[in-house]
Every structure is written in C-alpha cells, then in structure tokens.
Amino acid sequence: MEQYEQFFVCPHCGESISILLDLSVLSQEYIEDCEVCCRPIEIKYVVGEDGEVEFEEGRG
C-alpha cells in the first residue's frame, strides 16, 4: 500500500490538517471528520496515470 500525505485547510474551521491517502486505490470519495472541529469533510481524490494526485475537499 502506497500512502501519500495530503495537507489542506478545513472548510469549516479553517485549521490546517493532513490525511493519509491510500494511492493503491486510484479513486475514492468519502466523508472524514475534521480532527479539530469534528465537522464532516467530503474527501475526493483521483490518481492519474502519471501518478499525479488530484485532490478536493469540501463541506460534507
């Protein structure tokens, strides 16, 4: 399992947080709670053929 650390800002509280993405799964969409404010964040990512990670976060 190849992991990638993604940094982003919580869309609810504005805190900088990070998560580990499992790059062996080429596309995922799920909800994860912010580790600071505990509100839901919608996480989406796609791994391209070149290994580039396209990441989006939003209010869940």
C-alpha atoms as a PDB file:
ATOM      1  CA  MET A   1       0.000   0.000   0.000  1.00  0.00           C
ATOM      2  CA  GLU A   2       1.483   3.323  -1.103  1.00  0.00           C
ATOM      3  CA  GLN A   3       0.473   6.249   1.093  1.00  0.00           C
ATOM      4  CA  TYR A   4       0.574   9.966   0.369  1.00  0.00           C
ATOM      5  CA  GLU A   5       0.190  12.726   2.961  1.00  0.00           C
ATOM      6  CA  GLN A   6      -2.210  15.443   1.777  1.00  0.00           C
ATOM      7  CA  PHE A   7      -2.335  18.803   3.556  1.00  0.00           C
ATOM      8  CA  PHE A   8      -5.390  21.069   3.298  1.00  0.00           C
ATOM      9  CA  VAL A   9      -7.483  23.609   5.203  1.00  0.00           C
ATOM     10  CA  CYS A  10     -10.727  22.516   6.882  1.00  0.00           C
ATOM     11  CA  PRO A  11     -13.646  24.188   5.037  1.00  0.00           C
ATOM     12  CA  HIS A  12     -15.474  24.631   8.366  1.00  0.00           C
ATOM     13  CA  CYS A  13     -12.941  25.917  10.926  1.00  0.00           C
ATOM     14  CA  GLY A  14     -10.013  26.981   8.708  1.00  0.00           C
ATOM     15  CA  GLU A  15      -7.432  24.849  10.529  1.00  0.00           C
ATOM     16  CA  SER A  16      -4.607  23.271   8.559  1.00  0.00           C
ATOM     17  CA  ILE A  17      -4.852  19.471   8.743  1.00  0.00           C
ATOM     18  CA  SER A  18      -3.458  16.449   6.928  1.00  0.00           C
ATOM     19  CA  ILE A  19      -4.652  12.977   5.994  1.00  0.00           C
ATOM     20  CA  LEU A  20      -3.011   9.900   4.516  1.00  0.00           C
ATOM     21  CA  LEU A  21      -4.331   8.811   1.120  1.00  0.00           C
ATOM     22  CA  ASP A  22      -4.030   5.177   0.004  1.00  0.00           C
ATOM     23  CA  LEU A  23      -2.740   5.520  -3.554  1.00  0.00           C
ATOM     24  CA  SER A  24      -3.279   1.822  -4.295  1.00  0.00           C
ATOM     25  CA  VAL A  25      -6.954   2.866  -4.667  1.00  0.00           C
ATOM     26  CA  LEU A  26      -6.968   5.066  -7.777  1.00  0.00           C
ATOM     27  CA  SER A  27     -10.183   6.948  -6.998  1.00  0.00           C
ATOM     28  CA  GLN A  28     -12.040   7.493  -3.741  1.00  0.00           C
ATOM     29  CA  GLU A  29     -14.813   9.651  -2.331  1.00  0.00           C
ATOM     30  CA  TYR A  30     -15.687   9.572   1.354  1.00  0.00           C
ATOM     31  CA  ILE A  31     -16.535  11.655   4.445  1.00  0.00           C
ATOM     32  CA  GLU A  32     -13.998  12.183   7.218  1.00  0.00           C
ATOM     33  CA  ASP A  33     -14.452  14.313  10.331  1.00  0.00           C
ATOM     34  CA  CYS A  34     -12.081  17.226  10.935  1.00  0.00           C
ATOM     35  CA  GLU A  35      -9.644  16.328  13.706  1.00  0.00           C
ATOM     36  CA  VAL A  36     -10.029  19.863  15.145  1.00  0.00           C
ATOM     37  CA  CYS A  37     -13.739  20.822  14.915  1.00  0.00           C
ATOM     38  CA  CYS A  38     -15.193  17.314  14.284  1.00  0.00           C
ATOM     39  CA  ARG A  39     -17.411  18.526  11.412  1.00  0.00           C
ATOM     40  CA  PRO A  40     -17.691  16.344   8.276  1.00  0.00           C
ATOM     41  CA  ILE A  41     -15.397  16.961   5.305  1.00  0.00           C
ATOM     42  CA  GLU A  42     -16.078  15.413   1.900  1.00  0.00           C
ATOM     43  CA  ILE A  43     -12.801  13.998   0.549  1.00  0.00           C
ATOM     44  CA  LYS A  44     -12.344  13.160  -3.152  1.00  0.00           C
ATOM     45  CA  TYR A  45      -9.193  12.145  -4.960  1.00  0.00           C
ATOM     46  CA  VAL A  46      -8.088  10.576  -8.219  1.00  0.00           C
ATOM     47  CA  VAL A  47      -4.627   9.233  -9.073  1.00  0.00           C
ATOM     48  CA  GLY A  48      -3.728   9.907 -12.702  1.00  0.00           C
ATOM     49  CA  GLU A  49      -1.753   7.596 -14.985  1.00  0.00           C
ATOM     50  CA  ASP A  50       1.332   9.722 -14.314  1.00  0.00           C
ATOM     51  CA  GLY A  51       0.882   9.281 -10.527  1.00  0.00           C
ATOM     52  CA  GLU A  52      -0.322  12.863 -10.059  1.00  0.00           C
ATOM     53  CA  VAL A  53      -2.940  13.166  -7.274  1.00  0.00           C
ATOM     54  CA  GLU A  54      -5.984  15.353  -7.971  1.00  0.00           C
ATOM     55  CA  PHE A  55      -7.487  16.204  -4.545  1.00  0.00           C
ATOM     56  CA  GLU A  56     -10.670  18.025  -3.497  1.00  0.00           C
ATOM     57  CA  GLU A  57     -12.173  18.711  -0.112  1.00  0.00           C
ATOM     58  CA  GLY A  58     -15.481  20.319   0.765  1.00  0.00           C
ATOM     59  CA  ARG A  59     -18.204  20.559   3.351  1.00  0.00           C
ATOM     60  CA  GLY A  60     -19.697  17.118   3.897  1.00  0.00           C
END
